[in-house]
């Protein structure tokens, strides 16, 4: 998805970071993340040059067979774009929609 094509109803255009604005992108992610979720460290794949990160719902207790954790992941060409995409997917997931 190209940055110019990114748009979703929940997204306020004034908050949309530019592709190099990491601080604004992190702010958008923290704002979208409900309590109980934990974000992993963003990583860049050296072959594809894509950034990726995941957010996992942390539940109390120990893991049991048949109980998979809830995970939301995103991948994009820049770290800022990936963080915004992750926030968008998390909002969609939180509203019961499937992120596109």
PDB file of N, CA and C in Angstrom:
ATOM      1  N   UNK A   1       0.837  -1.168   0.000  1.00  0.00           N
ATOM      2  CA  UNK A   1       0.000   0.000   0.000  1.00  0.00           C
ATOM      3  C   UNK A   1       0.889   1.241   0.000  1.00  0.00           C
ATOM      4  N   UNK A   2       0.627   2.157  -0.890  1.00  0.00           N
ATOM      5  CA  UNK A   2       1.383   3.398  -0.939  1.00  0.00           C
ATOM      6  C   UNK A   2       0.874   4.347   0.140  1.00  0.00           C
ATOM      7  N   UNK A   3       1.769   5.187   0.635  1.00  0.00           N
ATOM      8  CA  UNK A   3       1.410   6.116   1.709  1.00  0.00           C
ATOM      9  C   UNK A   3       0.237   7.000   1.300  1.00  0.00           C
ATOM     10  N   UNK A   4       0.208   7.472   0.043  1.00  0.00           N
ATOM     11  CA  UNK A   4      -0.859   8.359  -0.421  1.00  0.00           C
ATOM     12  C   UNK A   4      -2.210   7.647  -0.448  1.00  0.00           C
ATOM     13  N   UNK A   5      -2.203   6.321  -0.586  1.00  0.00           N
ATOM     14  CA  UNK A   5      -3.443   5.561  -0.652  1.00  0.00           C
ATOM     15  C   UNK A   5      -4.003   5.242   0.730  1.00  0.00           C
ATOM     16  N   UNK A   6      -3.199   5.442   1.776  1.00  0.00           N
ATOM     17  CA  UNK A   6      -3.631   5.091   3.121  1.00  0.00           C
ATOM     18  C   UNK A   6      -4.754   6.019   3.576  1.00  0.00           C
ATOM     19  N   UNK A   7      -5.860   5.441   3.931  1.00  0.00           N
ATOM     20  CA  UNK A   7      -6.946   6.216   4.510  1.00  0.00           C
ATOM     21  C   UNK A   7      -7.963   5.256   5.109  1.00  0.00           C
ATOM     22  N   UNK A   8      -8.496   5.634   6.254  1.00  0.00           N
ATOM     23  CA  UNK A   8      -9.549   4.858   6.889  1.00  0.00           C
ATOM     24  C   UNK A   8     -10.433   5.858   7.613  1.00  0.00           C
ATOM     25  N   UNK A   9     -11.691   5.525   7.813  1.00  0.00           N
ATOM     26  CA  UNK A   9     -12.647   6.471   8.393  1.00  0.00           C
ATOM     27  C   UNK A   9     -12.232   6.993   9.760  1.00  0.00           C
ATOM     28  N   UNK A  10     -11.602   6.162  10.564  1.00  0.00           N
ATOM     29  CA  UNK A  10     -11.240   6.576  11.919  1.00  0.00           C
ATOM     30  C   UNK A  10     -10.078   7.549  11.936  1.00  0.00           C
ATOM     31  N   UNK A  11      -9.336   7.634  10.857  1.00  0.00           N
ATOM     32  CA  UNK A  11      -8.084   8.382  10.845  1.00  0.00           C
ATOM     33  C   UNK A  11      -8.326   9.860  10.594  1.00  0.00           C
ATOM     34  N   UNK A  12      -7.828  10.714  11.464  1.00  0.00           N
ATOM     35  CA  UNK A  12      -7.917  12.161  11.320  1.00  0.00           C
ATOM     36  C   UNK A  12      -6.713  12.622  10.500  1.00  0.00           C
ATOM     37  N   UNK A  13      -6.962  13.247   9.368  1.00  0.00           N
ATOM     38  CA  UNK A  13      -5.885  13.659   8.460  1.00  0.00           C
ATOM     39  C   UNK A  13      -4.843  14.540   9.149  1.00  0.00           C
ATOM     40  N   UNK A  14      -5.247  15.336  10.137  1.00  0.00           N
ATOM     41  CA  UNK A  14      -4.299  16.228  10.807  1.00  0.00           C
ATOM     42  C   UNK A  14      -3.285  15.453  11.631  1.00  0.00           C
ATOM     43  N   UNK A  15      -3.628  14.221  12.045  1.00  0.00           N
ATOM     44  CA  UNK A  15      -2.706  13.433  12.858  1.00  0.00           C
ATOM     45  C   UNK A  15      -1.812  12.547  12.009  1.00  0.00           C
ATOM     46  N   UNK A  16      -2.058  12.479  10.723  1.00  0.00           N
ATOM     47  CA  UNK A  16      -1.318  11.564   9.861  1.00  0.00           C
ATOM     48  C   UNK A  16       0.141  11.986   9.762  1.00  0.00           C
ATOM     49  N   UNK A  17       1.072  11.139  10.215  1.00  0.00           N
ATOM     50  CA  UNK A  17       2.487  11.501  10.151  1.00  0.00           C
ATOM     51  C   UNK A  17       3.034  11.372   8.736  1.00  0.00           C
ATOM     52  N   UNK A  18       4.075  12.083   8.492  1.00  0.00           N
ATOM     53  CA  UNK A  18       4.794  11.914   7.241  1.00  0.00           C
ATOM     54  C   UNK A  18       5.668  10.669   7.386  1.00  0.00           C
ATOM     55  N   UNK A  19       6.087  10.064   6.259  1.00  0.00           N
ATOM     56  CA  UNK A  19       6.819   8.803   6.335  1.00  0.00           C
ATOM     57  C   UNK A  19       8.079   8.810   7.192  1.00  0.00           C
ATOM     58  N   UNK A  20       8.607   9.940   7.606  1.00  0.00           N
ATOM     59  CA  UNK A  20       9.788   9.949   8.452  1.00  0.00           C
ATOM     60  C   UNK A  20       9.508  10.363   9.890  1.00  0.00           C
ATOM     61  N   UNK A  21       8.263  10.587  10.240  1.00  0.00           N
ATOM     62  CA  UNK A  21       7.915  11.134  11.540  1.00  0.00           C
ATOM     63  C   UNK A  21       7.640  10.023  12.554  1.00  0.00           C
ATOM     64  N   UNK A  22       8.701   9.484  13.129  1.00  0.00           N
ATOM     65  CA  UNK A  22       8.561   8.355  14.054  1.00  0.00           C
ATOM     66  C   UNK A  22       7.823   8.723  15.334  1.00  0.00           C
ATOM     67  N   UNK A  23       8.078   9.892  15.871  1.00  0.00           N
ATOM     68  CA  UNK A  23       7.436  10.266  17.135  1.00  0.00           C
ATOM     69  C   UNK A  23       5.915  10.320  16.988  1.00  0.00           C
ATOM     70  N   UNK A  24       5.433  10.922  15.907  1.00  0.00           N
ATOM     71  CA  UNK A  24       3.996  10.994  15.668  1.00  0.00           C
ATOM     72  C   UNK A  24       3.421   9.610  15.411  1.00  0.00           C
ATOM     73  N   UNK A  25       4.166   8.771  14.698  1.00  0.00           N
ATOM     74  CA  UNK A  25       3.708   7.406  14.427  1.00  0.00           C
ATOM     75  C   UNK A  25       3.592   6.601  15.721  1.00  0.00           C
ATOM     76  N   UNK A  26       4.581   6.714  16.601  1.00  0.00           N
ATOM     77  CA  UNK A  26       4.503   6.019  17.894  1.00  0.00           C
ATOM     78  C   UNK A  26       3.331   6.545  18.715  1.00  0.00           C
ATOM     79  N   UNK A  27       3.103   7.862  18.691  1.00  0.00           N
ATOM     80  CA  UNK A  27       1.966   8.438  19.416  1.00  0.00           C
ATOM     81  C   UNK A  27       0.644   7.867  18.911  1.00  0.00           C
ATOM     82  N   UNK A  28       0.517   7.732  17.585  1.00  0.00           N
ATOM     83  CA  UNK A  28      -0.702   7.162  17.006  1.00  0.00           C
ATOM     84  C   UNK A  28      -0.894   5.718  17.467  1.00  0.00           C
ATOM     85  N   UNK A  29       0.202   4.962  17.534  1.00  0.00           N
ATOM     86  CA  UNK A  29       0.116   3.570  17.982  1.00  0.00           C
ATOM     87  C   UNK A  29      -0.280   3.493  19.451  1.00  0.00           C
ATOM     88  N   UNK A  30       0.364   4.294  20.313  1.00  0.00           N
ATOM     89  CA  UNK A  30       0.033   4.255  21.746  1.00  0.00           C
ATOM     90  C   UNK A  30      -1.408   4.677  21.975  1.00  0.00           C
ATOM     91  N   UNK A  31      -1.898   5.637  21.191  1.00  0.00           N
ATOM     92  CA  UNK A  31      -3.279   6.091  21.330  1.00  0.00           C
ATOM     93  C   UNK A  31      -4.269   4.995  20.936  1.00  0.00           C
ATOM     94  N   UNK A  32      -3.908   4.198  19.941  1.00  0.00           N
ATOM     95  CA  UNK A  32      -4.807   3.151  19.448  1.00  0.00           C
ATOM     96  C   UNK A  32      -4.755   1.871  20.279  1.00  0.00           C
ATOM     97  N   UNK A  33      -3.722   1.700  21.092  1.00  0.00           N
ATOM     98  CA  UNK A  33      -3.511   0.429  21.785  1.00  0.00           C
ATOM     99  C   UNK A  33      -4.290   0.363  23.102  1.00  0.00           C
ATOM    100  N   UNK A  34      -5.239  -0.596  23.208  1.00  0.00           N
ATOM    101  CA  UNK A  34      -5.975  -0.770  24.462  1.00  0.00           C
ATOM    102  C   UNK A  34      -5.069  -1.357  25.542  1.00  0.00           C
ATOM    103  N   UNK A  35      -5.496  -1.246  26.794  1.00  0.00           N
ATOM    104  CA  UNK A  35      -4.696  -1.813  27.882  1.00  0.00           C
ATOM    105  C   UNK A  35      -4.634  -3.329  27.738  1.00  0.00           C
ATOM    106  N   UNK A  36      -3.545  -3.897  28.192  1.00  0.00           N
ATOM    107  CA  UNK A  36      -3.362  -5.340  28.110  1.00  0.00           C
ATOM    108  C   UNK A  36      -2.579  -5.794  26.892  1.00  0.00           C
ATOM    109  N   UNK A  37      -2.376  -4.908  25.929  1.00  0.00           N
ATOM    110  CA  UNK A  37      -1.631  -5.255  24.723  1.00  0.00           C
ATOM    111  C   UNK A  37      -0.187  -4.793  24.885  1.00  0.00           C
ATOM    112  N   UNK A  38       0.741  -5.538  24.285  1.00  0.00           N
ATOM    113  CA  UNK A  38       2.162  -5.208  24.332  1.00  0.00           C
ATOM    114  C   UNK A  38       2.713  -5.191  22.911  1.00  0.00           C
ATOM    115  N   UNK A  39       3.483  -4.154  22.590  1.00  0.00           N
ATOM    116  CA  UNK A  39       4.064  -4.055  21.252  1.00  0.00           C
ATOM    117  C   UNK A  39       5.487  -4.596  21.283  1.00  0.00           C
ATOM    118  N   UNK A  40       5.818  -5.368  20.251  1.00  0.00           N
ATOM    119  CA  UNK A  40       7.172  -5.885  20.122  1.00  0.00           C
ATOM    120  C   UNK A  40       8.072  -4.863  19.451  1.00  0.00           C
ATOM    121  N   UNK A  41       9.359  -5.098  19.511  1.00  0.00           N
ATOM    122  CA  UNK A  41      10.337  -4.185  18.907  1.00  0.00           C
ATOM    123  C   UNK A  41      10.243  -4.262  17.382  1.00  0.00           C
ATOM    124  N   UNK A  42      10.091  -3.113  16.714  1.00  0.00           N
ATOM    125  CA  UNK A  42      10.081  -3.118  15.251  1.00  0.00           C
ATOM    126  C   UNK A  42      11.420  -3.615  14.705  1.00  0.00           C
ATOM    127  N   UNK A  43      11.345  -4.382  13.627  1.00  0.00           N
ATOM    128  CA  UNK A  43      12.552  -4.925  13.006  1.00  0.00           C
ATOM    129  C   UNK A  43      12.491  -4.702  11.507  1.00  0.00           C
ATOM    130  N   UNK A  44      13.665  -4.538  10.909  1.00  0.00           N
ATOM    131  CA  UNK A  44      13.738  -4.396   9.463  1.00  0.00           C
ATOM    132  C   UNK A  44      14.368  -5.644   8.872  1.00  0.00           C
ATOM    133  N   UNK A  45      13.679  -6.231   7.894  1.00  0.00           N
ATOM    134  CA  UNK A  45      14.212  -7.377   7.171  1.00  0.00           C
ATOM    135  C   UNK A  45      15.258  -6.854   6.193  1.00  0.00           C
ATOM    136  N   UNK A  46      16.480  -7.337   6.298  1.00  0.00           N
ATOM    137  CA  UNK A  46      17.565  -6.820   5.466  1.00  0.00           C
ATOM    138  C   UNK A  46      17.439  -7.206   3.999  1.00  0.00           C
ATOM    139  N   UNK A  47      16.709  -8.282   3.712  1.00  0.00           N
ATOM    140  CA  UNK A  47      16.546  -8.710   2.327  1.00  0.00           C
ATOM    141  C   UNK A  47      15.432  -7.918   1.639  1.00  0.00           C
ATOM    142  N   UNK A  48      14.246  -7.890   2.255  1.00  0.00           N
ATOM    143  CA  UNK A  48      13.106  -7.217   1.629  1.00  0.00           C
ATOM    144  C   UNK A  48      13.053  -5.720   1.928  1.00  0.00           C
ATOM    145  N   UNK A  49      13.871  -5.262   2.895  1.00  0.00           N
ATOM    146  CA  UNK A  49      13.890  -3.851   3.314  1.00  0.00           C
ATOM    147  C   UNK A  49      12.540  -3.408   3.887  1.00  0.00           C
ATOM    148  N   UNK A  50      11.747  -4.344   4.378  1.00  0.00           N
ATOM    149  CA  UNK A  50      10.446  -4.051   4.975  1.00  0.00           C
ATOM    150  C   UNK A  50      10.555  -4.026   6.495  1.00  0.00           C
ATOM    151  N   UNK A  51       9.823  -3.108   7.129  1.00  0.00           N
ATOM    152  CA  UNK A  51       9.747  -3.044   8.584  1.00  0.00           C
ATOM    153  C   UNK A  51       8.544  -3.852   9.040  1.00  0.00           C
ATOM    154  N   UNK A  52       8.673  -4.540  10.168  1.00  0.00           N
ATOM    155  CA  UNK A  52       7.571  -5.331  10.702  1.00  0.00           C
ATOM    156  C   UNK A  52       7.560  -5.252  12.227  1.00  0.00           C
ATOM    157  N   UNK A  53       6.372  -5.371  12.799  1.00  0.00           N
ATOM    158  CA  UNK A  53       6.214  -5.427  14.255  1.00  0.00           C
ATOM    159  C   UNK A  53       4.880  -6.085  14.551  1.00  0.00           C
ATOM    160  N   UNK A  54       4.748  -6.590  15.756  1.00  0.00           N
ATOM    161  CA  UNK A  54       3.509  -7.234  16.189  1.00  0.00           C
ATOM    162  C   UNK A  54       3.093  -6.691  17.545  1.00  0.00           C
ATOM    163  N   UNK A  55       1.791  -6.734  17.792  1.00  0.00           N
ATOM    164  CA  UNK A  55       1.233  -6.399  19.094  1.00  0.00           C
ATOM    165  C   UNK A  55       0.517  -7.646  19.588  1.00  0.00           C
ATOM    166  N   UNK A  56       0.757  -8.003  20.841  1.00  0.00           N
ATOM    167  CA  UNK A  56       0.192  -9.223  21.419  1.00  0.00           C
ATOM    168  C   UNK A  56      -0.658  -8.852  22.624  1.00  0.00           C
ATOM    169  N   UNK A  57      -1.829  -9.491  22.745  1.00  0.00           N
ATOM    170  CA  UNK A  57      -2.670  -9.307  23.923  1.00  0.00           C
ATOM    171  C   UNK A  57      -2.112 -10.171  25.036  1.00  0.00           C
ATOM    172  N   UNK A  58      -1.696  -9.541  26.115  1.00  0.00           N
ATOM    173  CA  UNK A  58      -1.110 -10.248  27.251  1.00  0.00           C
ATOM    174  C   UNK A  58      -2.234 -10.584  28.223  1.00  0.00           C
ATOM    175  N   UNK A  59      -2.412 -11.872  28.495  1.00  0.00           N
ATOM    176  CA  UNK A  59      -3.441 -12.301  29.441  1.00  0.00           C
ATOM    177  C   UNK A  59      -2.777 -12.856  30.682  1.00  0.00           C
ATOM    178  N   UNK A  60      -3.478 -12.798  31.792  1.00  0.00           N
ATOM    179  CA  UNK A  60      -2.926 -13.322  33.043  1.00  0.00           C
ATOM    180  C   UNK A  60      -2.856 -14.838  33.031  1.00  0.00           C
ATOM    181  N   UNK A  61      -2.044 -15.384  33.898  1.00  0.00           N
ATOM    182  CA  UNK A  61      -1.928 -16.835  33.996  1.00  0.00           C
ATOM    183  C   UNK A  61      -0.943 -17.401  33.001  1.00  0.00           C
ATOM    184  N   UNK A  62      -0.966 -18.701  32.894  1.00  0.00           N
ATOM    185  CA  UNK A  62      -0.046 -19.384  31.995  1.00  0.00           C
ATOM    186  C   UNK A  62      -0.761 -19.807  30.727  1.00  0.00           C
ATOM    187  N   UNK A  63      -0.005 -20.044  29.698  1.00  0.00           N
ATOM    188  CA  UNK A  63      -0.573 -20.506  28.435  1.00  0.00           C
ATOM    189  C   UNK A  63      -1.038 -21.942  28.580  1.00  0.00           C
ATOM    190  N   UNK A  64      -2.134 -22.245  27.911  1.00  0.00           N
ATOM    191  CA  UNK A  64      -2.648 -23.606  27.915  1.00  0.00           C
ATOM    192  C   UNK A  64      -2.807 -24.060  26.472  1.00  0.00           C
ATOM    193  N   UNK A  65      -2.822 -25.352  26.286  1.00  0.00           N
ATOM    194  CA  UNK A  65      -3.009 -25.909  24.952  1.00  0.00           C
ATOM    195  C   UNK A  65      -4.366 -25.467  24.426  1.00  0.00           C
ATOM    196  N   UNK A  66      -4.398 -25.011  23.189  1.00  0.00           N
ATOM    197  CA  UNK A  66      -5.638 -24.580  22.568  1.00  0.00           C
ATOM    198  C   UNK A  66      -5.966 -23.119  22.790  1.00  0.00           C
ATOM    199  N   UNK A  67      -5.176 -22.412  23.562  1.00  0.00           N
ATOM    200  CA  UNK A  67      -5.404 -20.991  23.816  1.00  0.00           C
ATOM    201  C   UNK A  67      -4.301 -20.184  23.138  1.00  0.00           C
ATOM    202  N   UNK A  68      -4.595 -19.727  21.936  1.00  0.00           N
ATOM    203  CA  UNK A  68      -3.619 -18.951  21.180  1.00  0.00           C
ATOM    204  C   UNK A  68      -3.722 -17.478  21.577  1.00  0.00           C
ATOM    205  N   UNK A  69      -2.594 -16.786  21.696  1.00  0.00           N
ATOM    206  CA  UNK A  69      -2.652 -15.355  22.009  1.00  0.00           C
ATOM    207  C   UNK A  69      -3.193 -14.573  20.812  1.00  0.00           C
ATOM    208  N   UNK A  70      -3.773 -13.429  21.073  1.00  0.00           N
ATOM    209  CA  UNK A  70      -4.244 -12.558  19.997  1.00  0.00           C
ATOM    210  C   UNK A  70      -3.061 -11.716  19.544  1.00  0.00           C
ATOM    211  N   UNK A  71      -2.812 -11.712  18.243  1.00  0.00           N
ATOM    212  CA  UNK A  71      -1.657 -11.008  17.679  1.00  0.00           C
ATOM    213  C   UNK A  71      -2.115 -10.162  16.494  1.00  0.00           C
ATOM    214  N   UNK A  72      -1.662  -8.917  16.447  1.00  0.00           N
ATOM    215  CA  UNK A  72      -1.891  -8.033  15.307  1.00  0.00           C
ATOM    216  C   UNK A  72      -0.515  -7.642  14.787  1.00  0.00           C
ATOM    217  N   UNK A  73      -0.270  -7.847  13.479  1.00  0.00           N
ATOM    218  CA  UNK A  73       1.036  -7.545  12.883  1.00  0.00           C
ATOM    219  C   UNK A  73       0.868  -6.607  11.698  1.00  0.00           C
ATOM    220  N   UNK A  74       1.931  -5.886  11.383  1.00  0.00           N
ATOM    221  CA  UNK A  74       1.932  -5.006  10.213  1.00  0.00           C
ATOM    222  C   UNK A  74       3.322  -4.992   9.599  1.00  0.00           C
ATOM    223  N   UNK A  75       3.346  -4.714   8.290  1.00  0.00           N
ATOM    224  CA  UNK A  75       4.605  -4.647   7.556  1.00  0.00           C
ATOM    225  C   UNK A  75       4.503  -3.502   6.554  1.00  0.00           C
ATOM    226  N   UNK A  76       5.577  -2.709   6.421  1.00  0.00           N
ATOM    227  CA  UNK A  76       5.589  -1.568   5.497  1.00  0.00           C
ATOM    228  C   UNK A  76       7.036  -1.202   5.170  1.00  0.00           C
ATOM    229  N   UNK A  77       7.239  -0.379   4.131  1.00  0.00           N
ATOM    230  CA  UNK A  77       8.595  -0.025   3.715  1.00  0.00           C
ATOM    231  C   UNK A  77       9.358   0.863   4.697  1.00  0.00           C
ATOM    232  N   UNK A  78       8.664   1.682   5.501  1.00  0.00           N
ATOM    233  CA  UNK A  78       9.357   2.518   6.480  1.00  0.00           C
ATOM    234  C   UNK A  78       8.813   2.218   7.869  1.00  0.00           C
ATOM    235  N   UNK A  79       9.614   2.514   8.880  1.00  0.00           N
ATOM    236  CA  UNK A  79       9.189   2.242  10.253  1.00  0.00           C
ATOM    237  C   UNK A  79       7.958   3.071  10.625  1.00  0.00           C
ATOM    238  N   UNK A  80       7.940   4.346  10.246  1.00  0.00           N
ATOM    239  CA  UNK A  80       6.801   5.206  10.580  1.00  0.00           C
ATOM    240  C   UNK A  80       5.523   4.715   9.912  1.00  0.00           C
ATOM    241  N   UNK A  81       5.606   4.360   8.642  1.00  0.00           N
ATOM    242  CA  UNK A  81       4.441   3.855   7.922  1.00  0.00           C
ATOM    243  C   UNK A  81       3.952   2.553   8.536  1.00  0.00           C
ATOM    244  N   UNK A  82       4.878   1.679   8.938  1.00  0.00           N
ATOM    245  CA  UNK A  82       4.508   0.413   9.564  1.00  0.00           C
ATOM    246  C   UNK A  82       3.788   0.649  10.887  1.00  0.00           C
ATOM    247  N   UNK A  83       4.258   1.613  11.690  1.00  0.00           N
ATOM    248  CA  UNK A  83       3.616   1.900  12.977  1.00  0.00           C
ATOM    249  C   UNK A  83       2.199   2.429  12.784  1.00  0.00           C
ATOM    250  N   UNK A  84       2.011   3.302  11.796  1.00  0.00           N
ATOM    251  CA  UNK A  84       0.675   3.825  11.507  1.00  0.00           C
ATOM    252  C   UNK A  84      -0.234   2.705  11.011  1.00  0.00           C
ATOM    253  N   UNK A  85       0.284   1.837  10.171  1.00  0.00           N
ATOM    254  CA  UNK A  85      -0.495   0.695   9.679  1.00  0.00           C
ATOM    255  C   UNK A  85      -0.865  -0.230  10.835  1.00  0.00           C
ATOM    256  N   UNK A  86       0.054  -0.444  11.759  1.00  0.00           N
ATOM    257  CA  UNK A  86      -0.209  -1.273  12.933  1.00  0.00           C
ATOM    258  C   UNK A  86      -1.312  -0.648  13.785  1.00  0.00           C
ATOM    259  N   UNK A  87      -1.277   0.663  13.959  1.00  0.00           N
ATOM    260  CA  UNK A  87      -2.328   1.361  14.715  1.00  0.00           C
ATOM    261  C   UNK A  87      -3.676   1.214  14.019  1.00  0.00           C
ATOM    262  N   UNK A  88      -3.693   1.358  12.693  1.00  0.00           N
ATOM    263  CA  UNK A  88      -4.933   1.223  11.929  1.00  0.00           C
ATOM    264  C   UNK A  88      -5.509  -0.181  12.066  1.00  0.00           C
ATOM    265  N   UNK A  89      -4.650  -1.189  11.955  1.00  0.00           N
ATOM    266  CA  UNK A  89      -5.095  -2.577  12.098  1.00  0.00           C
ATOM    267  C   UNK A  89      -5.612  -2.850  13.507  1.00  0.00           C
ATOM    268  N   UNK A  90      -4.954  -2.295  14.500  1.00  0.00           N
ATOM    269  CA  UNK A  90      -5.363  -2.502  15.886  1.00  0.00           C
ATOM    270  C   UNK A  90      -6.729  -1.883  16.159  1.00  0.00           C
ATOM    271  N   UNK A  91      -6.975  -0.695  15.616  1.00  0.00           N
ATOM    272  CA  UNK A  91      -8.287  -0.061  15.778  1.00  0.00           C
ATOM    273  C   UNK A  91      -9.363  -0.912  15.113  1.00  0.00           C
ATOM    274  N   UNK A  92      -9.103  -1.391  13.903  1.00  0.00           N
ATOM    275  CA  UNK A  92     -10.073  -2.241  13.210  1.00  0.00           C
ATOM    276  C   UNK A  92     -10.344  -3.508  14.018  1.00  0.00           C
ATOM    277  N   UNK A  93      -9.296  -4.140  14.525  1.00  0.00           N
ATOM    278  CA  UNK A  93      -9.435  -5.362  15.321  1.00  0.00           C
ATOM    279  C   UNK A  93     -10.234  -5.081  16.594  1.00  0.00           C
ATOM    280  N   UNK A  94      -9.960  -3.967  17.253  1.00  0.00           N
ATOM    281  CA  UNK A  94     -10.653  -3.603  18.491  1.00  0.00           C
ATOM    282  C   UNK A  94     -12.138  -3.359  18.260  1.00  0.00           C
ATOM    283  N   UNK A  95     -12.491  -2.896  17.056  1.00  0.00           N
ATOM    284  CA  UNK A  95     -13.891  -2.646  16.704  1.00  0.00           C
ATOM    285  C   UNK A  95     -14.582  -3.895  16.168  1.00  0.00           C
ATOM    286  N   UNK A  96     -13.880  -5.021  16.153  1.00  0.00           N
ATOM    287  CA  UNK A  96     -14.467  -6.266  15.677  1.00  0.00           C
ATOM    288  C   UNK A  96     -14.419  -6.434  14.174  1.00  0.00           C
ATOM    289  N   UNK A  97     -13.672  -5.562  13.485  1.00  0.00           N
ATOM    290  CA  UNK A  97     -13.530  -5.675  12.037  1.00  0.00           C
ATOM    291  C   UNK A  97     -12.227  -6.389  11.708  1.00  0.00           C
ATOM    292  N   UNK A  98     -12.162  -6.954  10.525  1.00  0.00           N
ATOM    293  CA  UNK A  98     -10.931  -7.586  10.059  1.00  0.00           C
ATOM    294  C   UNK A  98     -10.111  -6.528   9.334  1.00  0.00           C
ATOM    295  N   UNK A  99      -8.866  -6.264   9.773  1.00  0.00           N
ATOM    296  CA  UNK A  99      -8.037  -5.266   9.080  1.00  0.00           C
ATOM    297  C   UNK A  99      -7.783  -5.673   7.641  1.00  0.00           C
ATOM    298  N   UNK A 100      -7.796  -4.689   6.739  1.00  0.00           N
ATOM    299  CA  UNK A 100      -7.544  -4.972   5.320  1.00  0.00           C
ATOM    300  C   UNK A 100      -6.131  -4.621   4.967  1.00  0.00           C
TER     301      UNK A 100
END
